[in-house]
């Protein structure tokens, strides 16, 4: 496993790529509401990214047809936007997207409420988000990669939620997916040592029910096997000698 260490110039480019992506997410949080289709969300994301002079990195990635993954309710990740899927009051929707700025990738995901949602759905979103922040408390040079995984798992466990095992976080840089893979569930081995200059996309995916997932016939959309709700929270993070820097916030 070769984990790339970014130099100062590369970090500056990653920082800008991620800053621009965080702006897109902010705009989308205002845009999402009952009555809009997942296709409208995709058109809006694509337009915002291109207006910034950037390229949506998900578009045509291994054949993925859209610029953003829009996953509703029991869809965990990689939901394909369509004009037929219209958001309803009470839904939760995960937006996972990234962009390329001068050759450098960013990647971040948020799960948003659509109108008024149940307290149970709200808690799932909040626990998923907080599990990310618990994980990155361990994201320091000198610690090991799986310290992050174990911190996420330890935080989620008391809630009885299922932590998705079939999908994991990843390194990121001049490619969308680089080494290492970053599990969100308990690990026995410590994993590679973290070094300053590593850039990681850390992304807990948490199900209200069981951890098991299934792939739909479109070859992309991943859903919970038991039909329970799923939430997703992701940021691109820079490892430093001190506290980690969250580049997509």
C-alpha atoms as a PDB file:
ATOM      1  CA  UNK A   1       0.000   0.000   0.000  1.00  0.00           C
ATOM      2  CA  UNK A   2       1.471   3.331  -1.090  1.00  0.00           C
ATOM      3  CA  UNK A   3      -0.185   6.230   0.752  1.00  0.00           C
ATOM      4  CA  UNK A   4       0.736   9.504  -0.942  1.00  0.00           C
ATOM      5  CA  UNK A   5       2.159  12.329   1.187  1.00  0.00           C
ATOM      6  CA  UNK A   6       1.236  15.728  -0.246  1.00  0.00           C
ATOM      7  CA  UNK A   7       3.768  18.580  -0.345  1.00  0.00           C
ATOM      8  CA  UNK A   8       2.856  22.194   0.487  1.00  0.00           C
ATOM      9  CA  UNK A   9       1.936  23.053  -3.094  1.00  0.00           C
ATOM     10  CA  UNK A  10      -0.314  19.984  -3.404  1.00  0.00           C
ATOM     11  CA  UNK A  11      -1.919  20.729  -0.044  1.00  0.00           C
ATOM     12  CA  UNK A  12      -2.704  24.282  -1.212  1.00  0.00           C
ATOM     13  CA  UNK A  13      -4.466  22.876  -4.307  1.00  0.00           C
ATOM     14  CA  UNK A  14      -6.357  20.300  -2.233  1.00  0.00           C
ATOM     15  CA  UNK A  15      -7.389  23.055   0.179  1.00  0.00           C
ATOM     16  CA  UNK A  16      -8.871  25.138  -2.651  1.00  0.00           C
ATOM     17  CA  UNK A  17     -10.594  22.140  -4.270  1.00  0.00           C
ATOM     18  CA  UNK A  18     -12.198  21.323  -0.913  1.00  0.00           C
ATOM     19  CA  UNK A  19     -13.122  24.946  -0.120  1.00  0.00           C
ATOM     20  CA  UNK A  20     -15.014  25.200  -3.403  1.00  0.00           C
ATOM     21  CA  UNK A  21     -16.797  21.907  -2.728  1.00  0.00           C
ATOM     22  CA  UNK A  22     -17.871  23.092   0.728  1.00  0.00           C
ATOM     23  CA  UNK A  23     -19.493  26.106  -0.969  1.00  0.00           C
ATOM     24  CA  UNK A  24     -21.455  23.800  -3.275  1.00  0.00           C
ATOM     25  CA  UNK A  25     -22.692  21.813  -0.266  1.00  0.00           C
ATOM     26  CA  UNK A  26     -23.771  25.028   1.488  1.00  0.00           C
ATOM     27  CA  UNK A  27     -25.810  26.061  -1.575  1.00  0.00           C
ATOM     28  CA  UNK A  28     -27.383  22.600  -1.804  1.00  0.00           C
ATOM     29  CA  UNK A  29     -28.472  22.668   1.831  1.00  0.00           C
ATOM     30  CA  UNK A  30     -30.601  25.709   0.931  1.00  0.00           C
ATOM     31  CA  UNK A  31     -31.834  24.102  -2.326  1.00  0.00           C
ATOM     32  CA  UNK A  32     -33.111  20.771  -0.946  1.00  0.00           C
ATOM     33  CA  UNK A  33     -36.836  20.845  -0.109  1.00  0.00           C
ATOM     34  CA  UNK A  34     -40.013  18.822  -0.626  1.00  0.00           C
ATOM     35  CA  UNK A  35     -41.232  18.705  -4.232  1.00  0.00           C
ATOM     36  CA  UNK A  36     -37.920  18.796  -6.094  1.00  0.00           C
ATOM     37  CA  UNK A  37     -36.639  15.813  -8.039  1.00  0.00           C
ATOM     38  CA  UNK A  38     -33.277  14.191  -7.484  1.00  0.00           C
ATOM     39  CA  UNK A  39     -32.518  15.107 -11.122  1.00  0.00           C
ATOM     40  CA  UNK A  40     -32.998  18.812 -10.309  1.00  0.00           C
ATOM     41  CA  UNK A  41     -30.461  18.395  -7.491  1.00  0.00           C
ATOM     42  CA  UNK A  42     -27.979  16.876  -9.952  1.00  0.00           C
ATOM     43  CA  UNK A  43     -28.479  19.689 -12.499  1.00  0.00           C
ATOM     44  CA  UNK A  44     -27.944  22.308  -9.770  1.00  0.00           C
ATOM     45  CA  UNK A  45     -24.777  20.625  -8.410  1.00  0.00           C
ATOM     46  CA  UNK A  46     -23.305  20.216 -11.877  1.00  0.00           C
ATOM     47  CA  UNK A  47     -24.002  23.857 -12.701  1.00  0.00           C
ATOM     48  CA  UNK A  48     -22.453  25.178  -9.446  1.00  0.00           C
ATOM     49  CA  UNK A  49     -19.291  23.085  -9.885  1.00  0.00           C
ATOM     50  CA  UNK A  50     -18.793  24.107 -13.523  1.00  0.00           C
ATOM     51  CA  UNK A  51     -19.435  27.789 -12.748  1.00  0.00           C
ATOM     52  CA  UNK A  52     -16.427  27.602 -10.432  1.00  0.00           C
ATOM     53  CA  UNK A  53     -14.324  26.410 -13.365  1.00  0.00           C
ATOM     54  CA  UNK A  54     -14.097  22.918 -11.882  1.00  0.00           C
ATOM     55  CA  UNK A  55     -15.050  19.429 -13.078  1.00  0.00           C
ATOM     56  CA  UNK A  56     -17.553  17.190 -11.211  1.00  0.00           C
ATOM     57  CA  UNK A  57     -15.381  14.162 -10.473  1.00  0.00           C
ATOM     58  CA  UNK A  58     -18.247  11.685 -10.049  1.00  0.00           C
ATOM     59  CA  UNK A  59     -19.612  12.281 -13.562  1.00  0.00           C
ATOM     60  CA  UNK A  60     -18.696   9.248 -15.740  1.00  0.00           C
ATOM     61  CA  UNK A  61     -16.477   7.850 -12.941  1.00  0.00           C
ATOM     62  CA  UNK A  62     -16.480   4.126 -13.825  1.00  0.00           C
ATOM     63  CA  UNK A  63     -19.609   4.977 -15.835  1.00  0.00           C
ATOM     64  CA  UNK A  64     -21.577   6.709 -13.050  1.00  0.00           C
ATOM     65  CA  UNK A  65     -24.069   8.885 -14.982  1.00  0.00           C
ATOM     66  CA  UNK A  66     -24.441  11.953 -12.715  1.00  0.00           C
ATOM     67  CA  UNK A  67     -22.436  14.686 -10.952  1.00  0.00           C
ATOM     68  CA  UNK A  68     -23.782  13.913  -7.486  1.00  0.00           C
ATOM     69  CA  UNK A  69     -24.971  10.755  -5.739  1.00  0.00           C
ATOM     70  CA  UNK A  70     -28.460  11.443  -4.365  1.00  0.00           C
ATOM     71  CA  UNK A  71     -29.525   8.707  -1.940  1.00  0.00           C
ATOM     72  CA  UNK A  72     -32.986   8.880  -0.336  1.00  0.00           C
ATOM     73  CA  UNK A  73     -34.121   7.166   2.891  1.00  0.00           C
ATOM     74  CA  UNK A  74     -32.986   3.499   2.711  1.00  0.00           C
ATOM     75  CA  UNK A  75     -30.484   4.264  -0.061  1.00  0.00           C
ATOM     76  CA  UNK A  76     -27.043   4.225   1.550  1.00  0.00           C
ATOM     77  CA  UNK A  77     -24.914   5.640  -1.281  1.00  0.00           C
ATOM     78  CA  UNK A  78     -24.638   6.007  -5.069  1.00  0.00           C
ATOM     79  CA  UNK A  79     -28.312   6.761  -5.705  1.00  0.00           C
ATOM     80  CA  UNK A  80     -28.728   7.808  -9.356  1.00  0.00           C
ATOM     81  CA  UNK A  81     -30.711  11.055  -9.804  1.00  0.00           C
ATOM     82  CA  UNK A  82     -33.872  10.809 -11.928  1.00  0.00           C
ATOM     83  CA  UNK A  83     -36.711  13.193 -12.760  1.00  0.00           C
ATOM     84  CA  UNK A  84     -39.196  10.612 -11.409  1.00  0.00           C
ATOM     85  CA  UNK A  85     -37.812  10.554  -7.853  1.00  0.00           C
ATOM     86  CA  UNK A  86     -39.374  13.559  -6.108  1.00  0.00           C
ATOM     87  CA  UNK A  87     -38.440  14.392  -2.514  1.00  0.00           C
ATOM     88  CA  UNK A  88     -41.309  14.245  -0.001  1.00  0.00           C
ATOM     89  CA  UNK A  89     -41.747  15.934   3.362  1.00  0.00           C
ATOM     90  CA  UNK A  90     -40.151  13.660   5.985  1.00  0.00           C
ATOM     91  CA  UNK A  91     -37.543  12.079   3.675  1.00  0.00           C
ATOM     92  CA  UNK A  92     -33.837  12.193   4.415  1.00  0.00           C
ATOM     93  CA  UNK A  93     -31.460  12.630   1.487  1.00  0.00           C
ATOM     94  CA  UNK A  94     -27.706  12.089   1.266  1.00  0.00           C
ATOM     95  CA  UNK A  95     -25.713  14.196  -1.204  1.00  0.00           C
ATOM     96  CA  UNK A  96     -22.253  12.793  -1.959  1.00  0.00           C
ATOM     97  CA  UNK A  97     -20.124  14.703  -4.457  1.00  0.00           C
ATOM     98  CA  UNK A  98     -16.699  16.018  -5.321  1.00  0.00           C
ATOM     99  CA  UNK A  99     -14.900  18.184  -7.814  1.00  0.00           C
ATOM    100  CA  UNK A 100     -11.527  18.510  -9.533  1.00  0.00           C
ATOM    101  CA  UNK A 101      -9.628  21.785  -9.184  1.00  0.00           C
ATOM    102  CA  UNK A 102      -6.383  21.954 -11.181  1.00  0.00           C
ATOM    103  CA  UNK A 103      -6.000  18.182 -11.056  1.00  0.00           C
ATOM    104  CA  UNK A 104      -6.826  17.738  -7.359  1.00  0.00           C
ATOM    105  CA  UNK A 105      -9.938  16.003  -6.061  1.00  0.00           C
ATOM    106  CA  UNK A 106     -12.259  16.817  -3.166  1.00  0.00           C
ATOM    107  CA  UNK A 107     -15.011  14.599  -1.753  1.00  0.00           C
ATOM    108  CA  UNK A 108     -17.692  15.255   0.878  1.00  0.00           C
ATOM    109  CA  UNK A 109     -21.169  13.993   1.797  1.00  0.00           C
ATOM    110  CA  UNK A 110     -24.047  15.301   3.910  1.00  0.00           C
ATOM    111  CA  UNK A 111     -27.401  13.785   4.887  1.00  0.00           C
ATOM    112  CA  UNK A 112     -30.119  16.450   4.926  1.00  0.00           C
ATOM    113  CA  UNK A 113     -33.678  16.486   6.258  1.00  0.00           C
ATOM    114  CA  UNK A 114     -36.415  17.161   3.711  1.00  0.00           C
ATOM    115  CA  UNK A 115     -38.850  19.434   5.536  1.00  0.00           C
ATOM    116  CA  UNK A 116     -39.865  18.124   8.969  1.00  0.00           C
ATOM    117  CA  UNK A 117     -38.478  14.676   9.808  1.00  0.00           C
ATOM    118  CA  UNK A 118     -39.026  12.260  12.705  1.00  0.00           C
ATOM    119  CA  UNK A 119     -36.903  12.539  15.880  1.00  0.00           C
ATOM    120  CA  UNK A 120     -35.520   9.053  15.081  1.00  0.00           C
ATOM    121  CA  UNK A 121     -34.345  10.162  11.632  1.00  0.00           C
ATOM    122  CA  UNK A 122     -32.860  13.352  13.122  1.00  0.00           C
ATOM    123  CA  UNK A 123     -30.928  11.325  15.694  1.00  0.00           C
ATOM    124  CA  UNK A 124     -29.546   9.018  12.990  1.00  0.00           C
ATOM    125  CA  UNK A 125     -28.256  12.038  11.013  1.00  0.00           C
ATOM    126  CA  UNK A 126     -26.710  13.606  14.125  1.00  0.00           C
ATOM    127  CA  UNK A 127     -25.039  10.405  15.372  1.00  0.00           C
ATOM    128  CA  UNK A 128     -23.596   9.734  11.919  1.00  0.00           C
ATOM    129  CA  UNK A 129     -22.172  13.256  11.741  1.00  0.00           C
ATOM    130  CA  UNK A 130     -20.801  13.155  15.286  1.00  0.00           C
ATOM    131  CA  UNK A 131     -19.181   9.747  14.658  1.00  0.00           C
ATOM    132  CA  UNK A 132     -17.034  11.448  12.005  1.00  0.00           C
ATOM    133  CA  UNK A 133     -15.875  14.045  14.548  1.00  0.00           C
ATOM    134  CA  UNK A 134     -15.166  11.326  17.121  1.00  0.00           C
ATOM    135  CA  UNK A 135     -13.111   9.483  14.493  1.00  0.00           C
ATOM    136  CA  UNK A 136     -10.961  12.443  13.516  1.00  0.00           C
ATOM    137  CA  UNK A 137      -9.958  13.073  17.143  1.00  0.00           C
ATOM    138  CA  UNK A 138      -7.564  10.186  16.387  1.00  0.00           C
ATOM    139  CA  UNK A 139      -6.488  11.544  12.959  1.00  0.00           C
ATOM    140  CA  UNK A 140      -3.054  12.774  14.019  1.00  0.00           C
ATOM    141  CA  UNK A 141       0.449  12.005  12.804  1.00  0.00           C
ATOM    142  CA  UNK A 142       1.879   9.165  14.898  1.00  0.00           C
ATOM    143  CA  UNK A 143      -1.495   7.493  15.471  1.00  0.00           C
ATOM    144  CA  UNK A 144      -2.607   4.580  13.311  1.00  0.00           C
ATOM    145  CA  UNK A 145      -5.317   4.545  10.644  1.00  0.00           C
ATOM    146  CA  UNK A 146      -7.566   2.099  12.475  1.00  0.00           C
ATOM    147  CA  UNK A 147      -7.574   4.313  15.569  1.00  0.00           C
ATOM    148  CA  UNK A 148      -9.982   6.413  13.458  1.00  0.00           C
ATOM    149  CA  UNK A 149     -12.107   3.362  12.554  1.00  0.00           C
ATOM    150  CA  UNK A 150     -12.313   2.171  16.173  1.00  0.00           C
ATOM    151  CA  UNK A 151     -13.273   5.618  17.489  1.00  0.00           C
ATOM    152  CA  UNK A 152     -16.156   5.836  14.963  1.00  0.00           C
ATOM    153  CA  UNK A 153     -17.348   2.318  15.859  1.00  0.00           C
ATOM    154  CA  UNK A 154     -17.123   2.919  19.624  1.00  0.00           C
ATOM    155  CA  UNK A 155     -19.241   6.059  19.359  1.00  0.00           C
ATOM    156  CA  UNK A 156     -21.970   4.450  17.209  1.00  0.00           C
ATOM    157  CA  UNK A 157     -22.215   1.134  19.101  1.00  0.00           C
ATOM    158  CA  UNK A 158     -24.368   2.276  22.084  1.00  0.00           C
ATOM    159  CA  UNK A 159     -27.089   3.473  19.675  1.00  0.00           C
ATOM    160  CA  UNK A 160     -27.531  -0.038  18.247  1.00  0.00           C
ATOM    161  CA  UNK A 161     -27.196   1.182  14.658  1.00  0.00           C
ATOM    162  CA  UNK A 162     -25.634  -0.898  11.888  1.00  0.00           C
ATOM    163  CA  UNK A 163     -22.276   0.364  10.600  1.00  0.00           C
ATOM    164  CA  UNK A 164     -21.958  -0.397   6.877  1.00  0.00           C
ATOM    165  CA  UNK A 165     -19.025  -2.764   6.262  1.00  0.00           C
ATOM    166  CA  UNK A 166     -19.201  -3.166   2.477  1.00  0.00           C
ATOM    167  CA  UNK A 167     -18.183   0.462   1.817  1.00  0.00           C
ATOM    168  CA  UNK A 168     -15.328   2.412   3.376  1.00  0.00           C
ATOM    169  CA  UNK A 169     -13.494   5.744   3.266  1.00  0.00           C
ATOM    170  CA  UNK A 170     -10.343   6.268   1.225  1.00  0.00           C
ATOM    171  CA  UNK A 171      -7.276   8.324   0.476  1.00  0.00           C
ATOM    172  CA  UNK A 172      -7.729  11.153  -2.044  1.00  0.00           C
ATOM    173  CA  UNK A 173      -5.535  13.471  -4.108  1.00  0.00           C
ATOM    174  CA  UNK A 174      -4.819  13.423  -7.841  1.00  0.00           C
ATOM    175  CA  UNK A 175      -7.228  10.445  -7.907  1.00  0.00           C
ATOM    176  CA  UNK A 176     -10.653  10.301  -6.309  1.00  0.00           C
ATOM    177  CA  UNK A 177      -9.832   6.985  -4.639  1.00  0.00           C
ATOM    178  CA  UNK A 178      -6.281   6.395  -3.403  1.00  0.00           C
ATOM    179  CA  UNK A 179      -4.828   4.175  -0.686  1.00  0.00           C
ATOM    180  CA  UNK A 180      -5.604   3.557   2.114  1.00  0.00           C
ATOM    181  CA  UNK A 181      -9.091   2.139   2.605  1.00  0.00           C
ATOM    182  CA  UNK A 182     -10.630   3.495   5.820  1.00  0.00           C
ATOM    183  CA  UNK A 183     -13.183   1.211   7.518  1.00  0.00           C
ATOM    184  CA  UNK A 184     -15.767   2.723   9.871  1.00  0.00           C
ATOM    185  CA  UNK A 185     -16.153  -0.445  11.964  1.00  0.00           C
ATOM    186  CA  UNK A 186     -14.025  -2.081  14.678  1.00  0.00           C
ATOM    187  CA  UNK A 187     -10.591  -3.307  13.518  1.00  0.00           C
ATOM    188  CA  UNK A 188      -8.197  -5.755  15.189  1.00  0.00           C
ATOM    189  CA  UNK A 189      -5.006  -4.627  13.432  1.00  0.00           C
ATOM    190  CA  UNK A 190      -3.784  -1.037  13.884  1.00  0.00           C
ATOM    191  CA  UNK A 191      -3.327  -0.263  10.187  1.00  0.00           C
ATOM    192  CA  UNK A 192      -0.635   2.016   8.723  1.00  0.00           C
ATOM    193  CA  UNK A 193       0.844   4.850  10.766  1.00  0.00           C
ATOM    194  CA  UNK A 194      -0.579   8.298   9.986  1.00  0.00           C
ATOM    195  CA  UNK A 195       1.857  10.890   8.664  1.00  0.00           C
ATOM    196  CA  UNK A 196       1.522  14.638   8.105  1.00  0.00           C
ATOM    197  CA  UNK A 197       0.569  15.366   4.481  1.00  0.00           C
ATOM    198  CA  UNK A 198      -1.837  12.441   4.068  1.00  0.00           C
ATOM    199  CA  UNK A 199      -5.267  13.468   2.730  1.00  0.00           C
ATOM    200  CA  UNK A 200      -8.135  11.158   3.648  1.00  0.00           C
ATOM    201  CA  UNK A 201     -11.850  11.027   2.836  1.00  0.00           C
ATOM    202  CA  UNK A 202     -13.400   9.770   6.072  1.00  0.00           C
ATOM    203  CA  UNK A 203     -17.058   8.822   5.656  1.00  0.00           C
ATOM    204  CA  UNK A 204     -19.171   6.907   8.154  1.00  0.00           C
ATOM    205  CA  UNK A 205     -22.282   5.307   6.624  1.00  0.00           C
ATOM    206  CA  UNK A 206     -24.712   4.301   9.365  1.00  0.00           C
ATOM    207  CA  UNK A 207     -27.996   2.372   9.125  1.00  0.00           C
ATOM    208  CA  UNK A 208     -30.845   2.678  11.592  1.00  0.00           C
ATOM    209  CA  UNK A 209     -31.261  -1.103  11.399  1.00  0.00           C
ATOM    210  CA  UNK A 210     -28.826  -3.840  10.428  1.00  0.00           C
ATOM    211  CA  UNK A 211     -25.458  -3.206   8.786  1.00  0.00           C
ATOM    212  CA  UNK A 212     -26.246  -5.394   5.738  1.00  0.00           C
ATOM    213  CA  UNK A 213     -26.633  -3.724   2.344  1.00  0.00           C
ATOM    214  CA  UNK A 214     -27.669  -4.774  -1.162  1.00  0.00           C
ATOM    215  CA  UNK A 215     -26.984  -3.420  -4.651  1.00  0.00           C
ATOM    216  CA  UNK A 216     -29.944  -2.597  -6.892  1.00  0.00           C
ATOM    217  CA  UNK A 217     -30.118  -3.780 -10.504  1.00  0.00           C
ATOM    218  CA  UNK A 218     -28.780  -0.419 -11.768  1.00  0.00           C
ATOM    219  CA  UNK A 219     -25.379  -1.626 -10.519  1.00  0.00           C
ATOM    220  CA  UNK A 220     -24.852   1.525  -8.432  1.00  0.00           C
ATOM    221  CA  UNK A 221     -27.508   2.188  -5.817  1.00  0.00           C
ATOM    222  CA  UNK A 222     -26.708   0.582  -2.460  1.00  0.00           C
ATOM    223  CA  UNK A 223     -29.700   0.107  -0.113  1.00  0.00           C
ATOM    224  CA  UNK A 224     -30.142  -1.212   3.409  1.00  0.00           C
ATOM    225  CA  UNK A 225     -31.087  -4.907   3.289  1.00  0.00           C
ATOM    226  CA  UNK A 226     -33.836  -4.419   5.890  1.00  0.00           C
ATOM    227  CA  UNK A 227     -35.267  -1.208   4.366  1.00  0.00           C
ATOM    228  CA  UNK A 228     -34.178   0.936   7.335  1.00  0.00           C
ATOM    229  CA  UNK A 229     -33.008   4.540   6.933  1.00  0.00           C
ATOM    230  CA  UNK A 230     -29.333   5.254   6.278  1.00  0.00           C
ATOM    231  CA  UNK A 231     -27.207   8.385   6.839  1.00  0.00           C
ATOM    232  CA  UNK A 232     -23.792   9.406   5.457  1.00  0.00           C
ATOM    233  CA  UNK A 233     -21.335  12.092   6.525  1.00  0.00           C
ATOM    234  CA  UNK A 234     -17.976  12.694   4.848  1.00  0.00           C
ATOM    235  CA  UNK A 235     -15.194  15.242   4.734  1.00  0.00           C
ATOM    236  CA  UNK A 236     -11.755  15.372   3.137  1.00  0.00           C
ATOM    237  CA  UNK A 237      -9.219  15.682   5.954  1.00  0.00           C
ATOM    238  CA  UNK A 238      -5.532  16.645   6.041  1.00  0.00           C
ATOM    239  CA  UNK A 239      -3.286  14.909   8.576  1.00  0.00           C
ATOM    240  CA  UNK A 240      -0.892  17.356  10.248  1.00  0.00           C
ATOM    241  CA  UNK A 241       1.595  17.132  13.111  1.00  0.00           C
ATOM    242  CA  UNK A 242      -1.136  18.643  15.317  1.00  0.00           C
ATOM    243  CA  UNK A 243      -4.919  18.674  14.981  1.00  0.00           C
ATOM    244  CA  UNK A 244      -6.334  17.400  11.664  1.00  0.00           C
ATOM    245  CA  UNK A 245      -7.530  20.026   9.195  1.00  0.00           C
ATOM    246  CA  UNK A 246     -11.025  19.426   7.800  1.00  0.00           C
ATOM    247  CA  UNK A 247     -10.625  20.736   4.260  1.00  0.00           C
ATOM    248  CA  UNK A 248     -14.283  20.492   3.175  1.00  0.00           C
ATOM    249  CA  UNK A 249     -15.761  22.535   6.037  1.00  0.00           C
END
